[in-house]
Amino acid sequence: MQNMFSGSKAMGDLFSTLAIYAVIIGGMYFFLFRPQQKKKKQEDEMRQNVKIGDEIVTIGGIVGKVISVKNDGETLVIESSSNKLKIQKWAIAQVFGENK
């Protein structure tokens, strides 16, 4: 009789251990991965909505005004202190909008 009850206790311990791991993994998802995915989605949306006339800052710290967007949709030209630079949209860190 002793062996029958010790087997069900082991199953109960296994279930509670798995439940604890499931709660930990679920918590990690909601506190670590989910906010990171949300931030990436917002950054992608910001980069897609850049238009001519917007003031931007690149990830390298270059500040300029968008003067054209190339046909491929991923490249744009900015003007920064009388110099023109061609950059990729993924390099945009911040958009100020028109006339800062």
PDB file of N, CA and C in Angstrom:
ATOM      1  N   MET A   1       0.806  -1.181   0.000  1.00  0.00           N
ATOM      2  CA  MET A   1       0.000   0.000   0.000  1.00  0.00           C
ATOM      3  C   MET A   1       0.855   1.253   0.000  1.00  0.00           C
ATOM      4  N   GLN A   2       1.991   1.225   0.609  1.00  0.00           N
ATOM      5  CA  GLN A   2       2.874   2.385   0.686  1.00  0.00           C
ATOM      6  C   GLN A   2       3.331   2.808  -0.706  1.00  0.00           C
ATOM      7  N   ASN A   3       3.653   1.863  -1.597  1.00  0.00           N
ATOM      8  CA  ASN A   3       4.162   2.191  -2.930  1.00  0.00           C
ATOM      9  C   ASN A   3       3.108   2.859  -3.805  1.00  0.00           C
ATOM     10  N   MET A   4       1.840   2.516  -3.672  1.00  0.00           N
ATOM     11  CA  MET A   4       0.785   3.114  -4.477  1.00  0.00           C
ATOM     12  C   MET A   4       0.663   4.608  -4.213  1.00  0.00           C
ATOM     13  N   PHE A   5       0.737   5.001  -2.963  1.00  0.00           N
ATOM     14  CA  PHE A   5       0.577   6.406  -2.615  1.00  0.00           C
ATOM     15  C   PHE A   5       1.816   7.214  -2.944  1.00  0.00           C
ATOM     16  N   SER A   6       2.986   6.642  -2.883  1.00  0.00           N
ATOM     17  CA  SER A   6       4.209   7.394  -3.194  1.00  0.00           C
ATOM     18  C   SER A   6       4.280   7.709  -4.691  1.00  0.00           C
ATOM     19  N   GLY A   7       3.685   6.867  -5.551  1.00  0.00           N
ATOM     20  CA  GLY A   7       3.653   7.141  -6.989  1.00  0.00           C
ATOM     21  C   GLY A   7       2.774   8.328  -7.313  1.00  0.00           C
ATOM     22  N   SER A   8       1.624   8.460  -6.659  1.00  0.00           N
ATOM     23  CA  SER A   8       0.739   9.590  -6.931  1.00  0.00           C
ATOM     24  C   SER A   8       1.315  10.884  -6.363  1.00  0.00           C
ATOM     25  N   LYS A   9       2.079  10.778  -5.294  1.00  0.00           N
ATOM     26  CA  LYS A   9       2.737  11.963  -4.734  1.00  0.00           C
ATOM     27  C   LYS A   9       3.806  12.460  -5.692  1.00  0.00           C
ATOM     28  N   ALA A  10       4.511  11.541  -6.316  1.00  0.00           N
ATOM     29  CA  ALA A  10       5.536  11.937  -7.290  1.00  0.00           C
ATOM     30  C   ALA A  10       4.894  12.622  -8.483  1.00  0.00           C
ATOM     31  N   MET A  11       3.733  12.156  -8.937  1.00  0.00           N
ATOM     32  CA  MET A  11       3.026  12.790 -10.053  1.00  0.00           C
ATOM     33  C   MET A  11       2.579  14.191  -9.659  1.00  0.00           C
ATOM     34  N   GLY A  12       2.115  14.349  -8.449  1.00  0.00           N
ATOM     35  CA  GLY A  12       1.697  15.667  -7.960  1.00  0.00           C
ATOM     36  C   GLY A  12       2.854  16.636  -7.891  1.00  0.00           C
ATOM     37  N   ASP A  13       4.006  16.136  -7.434  1.00  0.00           N
ATOM     38  CA  ASP A  13       5.202  16.981  -7.381  1.00  0.00           C
ATOM     39  C   ASP A  13       5.645  17.384  -8.786  1.00  0.00           C
ATOM     40  N   LEU A  14       5.573  16.459  -9.731  1.00  0.00           N
ATOM     41  CA  LEU A  14       5.950  16.746 -11.118  1.00  0.00           C
ATOM     42  C   LEU A  14       5.019  17.796 -11.720  1.00  0.00           C
ATOM     43  N   PHE A  15       3.715  17.651 -11.464  1.00  0.00           N
ATOM     44  CA  PHE A  15       2.745  18.612 -11.987  1.00  0.00           C
ATOM     45  C   PHE A  15       2.983  20.002 -11.415  1.00  0.00           C
ATOM     46  N   SER A  16       3.222  20.111 -10.115  1.00  0.00           N
ATOM     47  CA  SER A  16       3.435  21.426  -9.508  1.00  0.00           C
ATOM     48  C   SER A  16       4.754  22.042  -9.984  1.00  0.00           C
ATOM     49  N   THR A  17       5.761  21.238 -10.230  1.00  0.00           N
ATOM     50  CA  THR A  17       7.021  21.756 -10.773  1.00  0.00           C
ATOM     51  C   THR A  17       6.818  22.290 -12.181  1.00  0.00           C
ATOM     52  N   LEU A  18       6.086  21.555 -13.009  1.00  0.00           N
ATOM     53  CA  LEU A  18       5.806  22.015 -14.365  1.00  0.00           C
ATOM     54  C   LEU A  18       4.952  23.281 -14.352  1.00  0.00           C
ATOM     55  N   ALA A  19       4.017  23.361 -13.436  1.00  0.00           N
ATOM     56  CA  ALA A  19       3.164  24.551 -13.332  1.00  0.00           C
ATOM     57  C   ALA A  19       4.000  25.780 -12.954  1.00  0.00           C
ATOM     58  N   ILE A  20       4.946  25.615 -12.060  1.00  0.00           N
ATOM     59  CA  ILE A  20       5.823  26.724 -11.666  1.00  0.00           C
ATOM     60  C   ILE A  20       6.652  27.186 -12.863  1.00  0.00           C
ATOM     61  N   TYR A  21       7.214  26.260 -13.622  1.00  0.00           N
ATOM     62  CA  TYR A  21       7.993  26.628 -14.815  1.00  0.00           C
ATOM     63  C   TYR A  21       7.120  27.333 -15.855  1.00  0.00           C
ATOM     64  N   ALA A  22       5.896  26.877 -15.998  1.00  0.00           N
ATOM     65  CA  ALA A  22       4.985  27.521 -16.963  1.00  0.00           C
ATOM     66  C   ALA A  22       4.687  28.962 -16.540  1.00  0.00           C
ATOM     67  N   VAL A  23       4.498  29.206 -15.266  1.00  0.00           N
ATOM     68  CA  VAL A  23       4.243  30.561 -14.770  1.00  0.00           C
ATOM     69  C   VAL A  23       5.478  31.440 -14.982  1.00  0.00           C
ATOM     70  N   ILE A  24       6.655  30.915 -14.739  1.00  0.00           N
ATOM     71  CA  ILE A  24       7.894  31.677 -14.922  1.00  0.00           C
ATOM     72  C   ILE A  24       8.087  32.038 -16.398  1.00  0.00           C
ATOM     73  N   ILE A  25       7.895  31.081 -17.286  1.00  0.00           N
ATOM     74  CA  ILE A  25       8.059  31.337 -18.723  1.00  0.00           C
ATOM     75  C   ILE A  25       7.004  32.324 -19.211  1.00  0.00           C
ATOM     76  N   GLY A  26       5.774  32.178 -18.753  1.00  0.00           N
ATOM     77  CA  GLY A  26       4.724  33.129 -19.116  1.00  0.00           C
ATOM     78  C   GLY A  26       5.036  34.537 -18.626  1.00  0.00           C
ATOM     79  N   GLY A  27       5.538  34.650 -17.423  1.00  0.00           N
ATOM     80  CA  GLY A  27       5.931  35.954 -16.884  1.00  0.00           C
ATOM     81  C   GLY A  27       7.063  36.579 -17.678  1.00  0.00           C
ATOM     82  N   MET A  28       8.040  35.768 -18.070  1.00  0.00           N
ATOM     83  CA  MET A  28       9.148  36.273 -18.885  1.00  0.00           C
ATOM     84  C   MET A  28       8.625  36.800 -20.213  1.00  0.00           C
ATOM     85  N   TYR A  29       7.680  36.111 -20.800  1.00  0.00           N
ATOM     86  CA  TYR A  29       7.120  36.550 -22.079  1.00  0.00           C
ATOM     87  C   TYR A  29       6.458  37.913 -21.932  1.00  0.00           C
ATOM     88  N   PHE A  30       5.608  38.073 -20.914  1.00  0.00           N
ATOM     89  CA  PHE A  30       4.858  39.323 -20.769  1.00  0.00           C
ATOM     90  C   PHE A  30       5.706  40.478 -20.263  1.00  0.00           C
ATOM     91  N   PHE A  31       6.789  40.212 -19.537  1.00  0.00           N
ATOM     92  CA  PHE A  31       7.595  41.304 -19.000  1.00  0.00           C
ATOM     93  C   PHE A  31       8.860  41.586 -19.801  1.00  0.00           C
ATOM     94  N   LEU A  32       9.319  40.650 -20.625  1.00  0.00           N
ATOM     95  CA  LEU A  32      10.548  40.860 -21.387  1.00  0.00           C
ATOM     96  C   LEU A  32      10.313  40.915 -22.889  1.00  0.00           C
ATOM     97  N   PHE A  33       9.704  39.904 -23.450  1.00  0.00           N
ATOM     98  CA  PHE A  33       9.602  39.795 -24.904  1.00  0.00           C
ATOM     99  C   PHE A  33       8.487  40.647 -25.487  1.00  0.00           C
ATOM    100  N   ARG A  34       7.370  40.694 -24.868  1.00  0.00           N
ATOM    101  CA  ARG A  34       6.217  41.438 -25.396  1.00  0.00           C
ATOM    102  C   ARG A  34       6.500  42.942 -25.527  1.00  0.00           C
ATOM    103  N   PRO A  35       7.048  43.602 -24.489  1.00  0.00           N
ATOM    104  CA  PRO A  35       7.357  45.031 -24.642  1.00  0.00           C
ATOM    105  C   PRO A  35       8.395  45.296 -25.729  1.00  0.00           C
ATOM    106  N   GLN A  36       9.341  44.387 -25.877  1.00  0.00           N
ATOM    107  CA  GLN A  36      10.366  44.545 -26.908  1.00  0.00           C
ATOM    108  C   GLN A  36       9.738  44.458 -28.304  1.00  0.00           C
ATOM    109  N   GLN A  37       8.817  43.538 -28.497  1.00  0.00           N
ATOM    110  CA  GLN A  37       8.133  43.414 -29.789  1.00  0.00           C
ATOM    111  C   GLN A  37       7.274  44.641 -30.068  1.00  0.00           C
ATOM    112  N   LYS A  38       6.625  45.174 -29.045  1.00  0.00           N
ATOM    113  CA  LYS A  38       5.785  46.351 -29.199  1.00  0.00           C
ATOM    114  C   LYS A  38       6.631  47.561 -29.584  1.00  0.00           C
ATOM    115  N   LYS A  39       7.789  47.723 -28.952  1.00  0.00           N
ATOM    116  CA  LYS A  39       8.689  48.833 -29.270  1.00  0.00           C
ATOM    117  C   LYS A  39       9.199  48.730 -30.698  1.00  0.00           C
ATOM    118  N   LYS A  40       9.561  47.538 -31.135  1.00  0.00           N
ATOM    119  CA  LYS A  40      10.048  47.340 -32.503  1.00  0.00           C
ATOM    120  C   LYS A  40       8.958  47.681 -33.514  1.00  0.00           C
ATOM    121  N   LYS A  41       7.728  47.304 -33.229  1.00  0.00           N
ATOM    122  CA  LYS A  41       6.614  47.604 -34.122  1.00  0.00           C
ATOM    123  C   LYS A  41       6.403  49.116 -34.223  1.00  0.00           C
ATOM    124  N   GLN A  42       6.504  49.833 -33.106  1.00  0.00           N
ATOM    125  CA  GLN A  42       6.350  51.289 -33.117  1.00  0.00           C
ATOM    126  C   GLN A  42       7.475  51.953 -33.910  1.00  0.00           C
ATOM    127  N   GLU A  43       8.714  51.454 -33.762  1.00  0.00           N
ATOM    128  CA  GLU A  43       9.843  52.011 -34.508  1.00  0.00           C
ATOM    129  C   GLU A  43       9.672  51.785 -36.006  1.00  0.00           C
ATOM    130  N   ASP A  44       9.230  50.598 -36.395  1.00  0.00           N
ATOM    131  CA  ASP A  44       9.006  50.307 -37.818  1.00  0.00           C
ATOM    132  C   ASP A  44       7.930  51.216 -38.398  1.00  0.00           C
ATOM    133  N   GLU A  45       6.869  51.436 -37.631  1.00  0.00           N
ATOM    134  CA  GLU A  45       5.784  52.311 -38.087  1.00  0.00           C
ATOM    135  C   GLU A  45       6.282  53.753 -38.244  1.00  0.00           C
ATOM    136  N   MET A  46       7.114  54.223 -37.293  1.00  0.00           N
ATOM    137  CA  MET A  46       7.669  55.563 -37.359  1.00  0.00           C
ATOM    138  C   MET A  46       8.508  55.727 -38.629  1.00  0.00           C
ATOM    139  N   ARG A  47       9.330  54.733 -38.928  1.00  0.00           N
ATOM    140  CA  ARG A  47      10.202  54.799 -40.105  1.00  0.00           C
ATOM    141  C   ARG A  47       9.406  54.754 -41.409  1.00  0.00           C
ATOM    142  N   GLN A  48       8.308  54.010 -41.438  1.00  0.00           N
ATOM    143  CA  GLN A  48       7.493  53.929 -42.651  1.00  0.00           C
ATOM    144  C   GLN A  48       6.704  55.214 -42.904  1.00  0.00           C
ATOM    145  N   ASN A  49       6.428  55.988 -41.852  1.00  0.00           N
ATOM    146  CA  ASN A  49       5.627  57.193 -41.986  1.00  0.00           C
ATOM    147  C   ASN A  49       6.453  58.457 -42.207  1.00  0.00           C
ATOM    148  N   VAL A  50       7.767  58.336 -42.415  1.00  0.00           N
ATOM    149  CA  VAL A  50       8.614  59.504 -42.685  1.00  0.00           C
ATOM    150  C   VAL A  50       8.228  60.081 -44.041  1.00  0.00           C
ATOM    151  N   LYS A  51       8.096  61.406 -44.072  1.00  0.00           N
ATOM    152  CA  LYS A  51       7.735  62.052 -45.332  1.00  0.00           C
ATOM    153  C   LYS A  51       8.652  63.248 -45.576  1.00  0.00           C
ATOM    154  N   ILE A  52       8.587  63.780 -46.767  1.00  0.00           N
ATOM    155  CA  ILE A  52       9.412  64.915 -47.146  1.00  0.00           C
ATOM    156  C   ILE A  52       9.084  66.096 -46.235  1.00  0.00           C
ATOM    157  N   GLY A  53      10.131  66.748 -45.737  1.00  0.00           N
ATOM    158  CA  GLY A  53       9.982  67.887 -44.842  1.00  0.00           C
ATOM    159  C   GLY A  53      10.186  67.551 -43.377  1.00  0.00           C
ATOM    160  N   ASP A  54      10.172  66.263 -43.014  1.00  0.00           N
ATOM    161  CA  ASP A  54      10.370  65.859 -41.618  1.00  0.00           C
ATOM    162  C   ASP A  54      11.818  66.070 -41.199  1.00  0.00           C
ATOM    163  N   GLU A  55      12.008  66.504 -39.960  1.00  0.00           N
ATOM    164  CA  GLU A  55      13.339  66.573 -39.355  1.00  0.00           C
ATOM    165  C   GLU A  55      13.600  65.219 -38.697  1.00  0.00           C
ATOM    166  N   ILE A  56      14.772  64.628 -38.966  1.00  0.00           N
ATOM    167  CA  ILE A  56      15.091  63.314 -38.400  1.00  0.00           C
ATOM    168  C   ILE A  56      16.473  63.330 -37.764  1.00  0.00           C
ATOM    169  N   VAL A  57      16.716  62.338 -36.913  1.00  0.00           N
ATOM    170  CA  VAL A  57      18.033  62.066 -36.352  1.00  0.00           C
ATOM    171  C   VAL A  57      18.351  60.624 -36.686  1.00  0.00           C
ATOM    172  N   THR A  58      19.547  60.374 -37.224  1.00  0.00           N
ATOM    173  CA  THR A  58      19.944  59.008 -37.542  1.00  0.00           C
ATOM    174  C   THR A  58      20.563  58.350 -36.320  1.00  0.00           C
ATOM    175  N   ILE A  59      20.768  57.040 -36.386  1.00  0.00           N
ATOM    176  CA  ILE A  59      21.380  56.334 -35.269  1.00  0.00           C
ATOM    177  C   ILE A  59      22.828  56.757 -35.057  1.00  0.00           C
ATOM    178  N   GLY A  60      23.418  57.401 -36.070  1.00  0.00           N
ATOM    179  CA  GLY A  60      24.780  57.919 -35.948  1.00  0.00           C
ATOM    180  C   GLY A  60      24.828  59.329 -35.401  1.00  0.00           C
ATOM    181  N   GLY A  61      23.655  59.946 -35.170  1.00  0.00           N
ATOM    182  CA  GLY A  61      23.602  61.276 -34.600  1.00  0.00           C
ATOM    183  C   GLY A  61      23.509  62.395 -35.619  1.00  0.00           C
ATOM    184  N   ILE A  62      23.351  62.079 -36.886  1.00  0.00           N
ATOM    185  CA  ILE A  62      23.234  63.102 -37.921  1.00  0.00           C
ATOM    186  C   ILE A  62      21.803  63.637 -37.914  1.00  0.00           C
ATOM    187  N   VAL A  63      21.683  64.968 -37.844  1.00  0.00           N
ATOM    188  CA  VAL A  63      20.379  65.621 -37.866  1.00  0.00           C
ATOM    189  C   VAL A  63      20.191  66.226 -39.244  1.00  0.00           C
ATOM    190  N   GLY A  64      19.028  66.001 -39.843  1.00  0.00           N
ATOM    191  CA  GLY A  64      18.776  66.545 -41.161  1.00  0.00           C
ATOM    192  C   GLY A  64      17.303  66.590 -41.491  1.00  0.00           C
ATOM    193  N   LYS A  65      17.017  67.182 -42.640  1.00  0.00           N
ATOM    194  CA  LYS A  65      15.649  67.326 -43.126  1.00  0.00           C
ATOM    195  C   LYS A  65      15.487  66.440 -44.351  1.00  0.00           C
ATOM    196  N   VAL A  66      14.420  65.650 -44.406  1.00  0.00           N
ATOM    197  CA  VAL A  66      14.164  64.758 -45.536  1.00  0.00           C
ATOM    198  C   VAL A  66      13.797  65.608 -46.746  1.00  0.00           C
ATOM    199  N   ILE A  67      14.547  65.421 -47.849  1.00  0.00           N
ATOM    200  CA  ILE A  67      14.236  66.183 -49.058  1.00  0.00           C
ATOM    201  C   ILE A  67      13.710  65.298 -50.179  1.00  0.00           C
ATOM    202  N   SER A  68      13.920  63.979 -50.083  1.00  0.00           N
ATOM    203  CA  SER A  68      13.300  63.073 -51.056  1.00  0.00           C
ATOM    204  C   SER A  68      13.319  61.647 -50.539  1.00  0.00           C
ATOM    205  N   VAL A  69      12.370  60.870 -51.041  1.00  0.00           N
ATOM    206  CA  VAL A  69      12.288  59.445 -50.734  1.00  0.00           C
ATOM    207  C   VAL A  69      12.448  58.704 -52.051  1.00  0.00           C
ATOM    208  N   LYS A  70      13.381  57.777 -52.114  1.00  0.00           N
ATOM    209  CA  LYS A  70      13.669  57.052 -53.349  1.00  0.00           C
ATOM    210  C   LYS A  70      12.560  56.063 -53.682  1.00  0.00           C
ATOM    211  N   ASN A  71      12.530  55.626 -54.939  1.00  0.00           N
ATOM    212  CA  ASN A  71      11.483  54.731 -55.435  1.00  0.00           C
ATOM    213  C   ASN A  71      11.427  53.396 -54.707  1.00  0.00           C
ATOM    214  N   ASP A  72      12.563  52.909 -54.205  1.00  0.00           N
ATOM    215  CA  ASP A  72      12.562  51.602 -53.535  1.00  0.00           C
ATOM    216  C   ASP A  72      11.841  51.641 -52.188  1.00  0.00           C
ATOM    217  N   GLY A  73      11.595  52.835 -51.664  1.00  0.00           N
ATOM    218  CA  GLY A  73      10.870  52.972 -50.409  1.00  0.00           C
ATOM    219  C   GLY A  73      11.720  52.753 -49.179  1.00  0.00           C
ATOM    220  N   GLU A  74      12.944  52.291 -49.336  1.00  0.00           N
ATOM    221  CA  GLU A  74      13.816  52.025 -48.196  1.00  0.00           C
ATOM    222  C   GLU A  74      14.956  53.027 -48.086  1.00  0.00           C
ATOM    223  N   THR A  75      15.113  53.896 -49.083  1.00  0.00           N
ATOM    224  CA  THR A  75      16.196  54.861 -49.107  1.00  0.00           C
ATOM    225  C   THR A  75      15.606  56.260 -49.161  1.00  0.00           C
ATOM    226  N   LEU A  76      16.233  57.185 -48.443  1.00  0.00           N
ATOM    227  CA  LEU A  76      15.818  58.565 -48.528  1.00  0.00           C
ATOM    228  C   LEU A  76      17.032  59.469 -48.517  1.00  0.00           C
ATOM    229  N   VAL A  77      16.848  60.704 -48.958  1.00  0.00           N
ATOM    230  CA  VAL A  77      17.921  61.683 -49.002  1.00  0.00           C
ATOM    231  C   VAL A  77      17.595  62.762 -47.983  1.00  0.00           C
ATOM    232  N   ILE A  78      18.607  63.104 -47.153  1.00  0.00           N
ATOM    233  CA  ILE A  78      18.418  64.173 -46.183  1.00  0.00           C
ATOM    234  C   ILE A  78      19.410  65.284 -46.469  1.00  0.00           C
ATOM    235  N   GLU A  79      19.064  66.484 -46.038  1.00  0.00           N
ATOM    236  CA  GLU A  79      19.951  67.629 -46.166  1.00  0.00           C
ATOM    237  C   GLU A  79      20.357  68.036 -44.763  1.00  0.00           C
ATOM    238  N   SER A  80      21.666  68.095 -44.547  1.00  0.00           N
ATOM    239  CA  SER A  80      22.193  68.458 -43.242  1.00  0.00           C
ATOM    240  C   SER A  80      23.292  69.495 -43.454  1.00  0.00           C
ATOM    241  N   SER A  81      23.063  70.702 -43.048  1.00  0.00           N
ATOM    242  CA  SER A  81      24.000  71.824 -43.199  1.00  0.00           C
ATOM    243  C   SER A  81      24.585  71.896 -44.608  1.00  0.00           C
ATOM    244  N   SER A  82      23.729  72.025 -45.573  1.00  0.00           N
ATOM    245  CA  SER A  82      24.038  72.182 -47.009  1.00  0.00           C
ATOM    246  C   SER A  82      24.703  70.953 -47.642  1.00  0.00           C
ATOM    247  N   ASN A  83      24.710  69.841 -46.968  1.00  0.00           N
ATOM    248  CA  ASN A  83      25.202  68.585 -47.547  1.00  0.00           C
ATOM    249  C   ASN A  83      24.027  67.631 -47.708  1.00  0.00           C
ATOM    250  N   LYS A  84      24.048  66.863 -48.777  1.00  0.00           N
ATOM    251  CA  LYS A  84      22.996  65.867 -48.997  1.00  0.00           C
ATOM    252  C   LYS A  84      23.556  64.486 -48.722  1.00  0.00           C
ATOM    253  N   LEU A  85      22.797  63.700 -47.989  1.00  0.00           N
ATOM    254  CA  LEU A  85      23.191  62.339 -47.643  1.00  0.00           C
ATOM    255  C   LEU A  85      22.081  61.377 -48.017  1.00  0.00           C
ATOM    256  N   LYS A  86      22.457  60.230 -48.554  1.00  0.00           N
ATOM    257  CA  LYS A  86      21.489  59.172 -48.828  1.00  0.00           C
ATOM    258  C   LYS A  86      21.606  58.161 -47.689  1.00  0.00           C
ATOM    259  N   ILE A  87      20.476  57.873 -47.043  1.00  0.00           N
ATOM    260  CA  ILE A  87      20.491  56.921 -45.930  1.00  0.00           C
ATOM    261  C   ILE A  87      19.379  55.894 -46.105  1.00  0.00           C
ATOM    262  N   GLN A  88      19.490  54.803 -45.373  1.00  0.00           N
ATOM    263  CA  GLN A  88      18.458  53.774 -45.335  1.00  0.00           C
ATOM    264  C   GLN A  88      17.469  54.112 -44.215  1.00  0.00           C
ATOM    265  N   LYS A  89      16.227  53.713 -44.371  1.00  0.00           N
ATOM    266  CA  LYS A  89      15.211  54.010 -43.354  1.00  0.00           C
ATOM    267  C   LYS A  89      15.511  53.344 -42.016  1.00  0.00           C
ATOM    268  N   TRP A  90      16.166  52.192 -42.038  1.00  0.00           N
ATOM    269  CA  TRP A  90      16.446  51.515 -40.773  1.00  0.00           C
ATOM    270  C   TRP A  90      17.417  52.322 -39.911  1.00  0.00           C
ATOM    271  N   ALA A  91      18.109  53.320 -40.494  1.00  0.00           N
ATOM    272  CA  ALA A  91      19.068  54.125 -39.760  1.00  0.00           C
ATOM    273  C   ALA A  91      18.423  55.310 -39.048  1.00  0.00           C
ATOM    274  N   ILE A  92      17.121  55.490 -39.178  1.00  0.00           N
ATOM    275  CA  ILE A  92      16.437  56.601 -38.513  1.00  0.00           C
ATOM    276  C   ILE A  92      16.195  56.234 -37.055  1.00  0.00           C
ATOM    277  N   ALA A  93      16.639  57.136 -36.160  1.00  0.00           N
ATOM    278  CA  ALA A  93      16.442  56.911 -34.731  1.00  0.00           C
ATOM    279  C   ALA A  93      15.250  57.677 -34.198  1.00  0.00           C
ATOM    280  N   GLN A  94      15.009  58.886 -34.756  1.00  0.00           N
ATOM    281  CA  GLN A  94      13.938  59.712 -34.230  1.00  0.00           C
ATOM    282  C   GLN A  94      13.421  60.623 -35.340  1.00  0.00           C
ATOM    283  N   VAL A  95      12.124  60.877 -35.330  1.00  0.00           N
ATOM    284  CA  VAL A  95      11.486  61.776 -36.287  1.00  0.00           C
ATOM    285  C   VAL A  95      10.831  62.892 -35.501  1.00  0.00           C
ATOM    286  N   PHE A  96      11.132  64.129 -35.887  1.00  0.00           N
ATOM    287  CA  PHE A  96      10.546  65.288 -35.194  1.00  0.00           C
ATOM    288  C   PHE A  96       9.317  65.818 -35.909  1.00  0.00           C
ATOM    289  N   GLY A  97       9.090  65.443 -37.137  1.00  0.00           N
ATOM    290  CA  GLY A  97       7.984  65.992 -37.897  1.00  0.00           C
ATOM    291  C   GLY A  97       8.419  67.266 -38.588  1.00  0.00           C
ATOM    292  N   GLU A  98       7.488  67.930 -39.239  1.00  0.00           N
ATOM    293  CA  GLU A  98       7.811  69.138 -39.979  1.00  0.00           C
ATOM    294  C   GLU A  98       8.116  70.294 -39.045  1.00  0.00           C
ATOM    295  N   ASN A  99       9.111  71.078 -39.415  1.00  0.00           N
ATOM    296  CA  ASN A  99       9.491  72.321 -38.742  1.00  0.00           C
ATOM    297  C   ASN A  99       9.743  72.155 -37.248  1.00  0.00           C
ATOM    298  N   LYS A 100      10.290  71.059 -36.869  1.00  0.00           N
ATOM    299  CA  LYS A 100      10.721  70.746 -35.505  1.00  0.00           C
ATOM    300  C   LYS A 100       9.863  71.480 -34.533  1.00  0.00           C
TER     301      LYS A 100
END
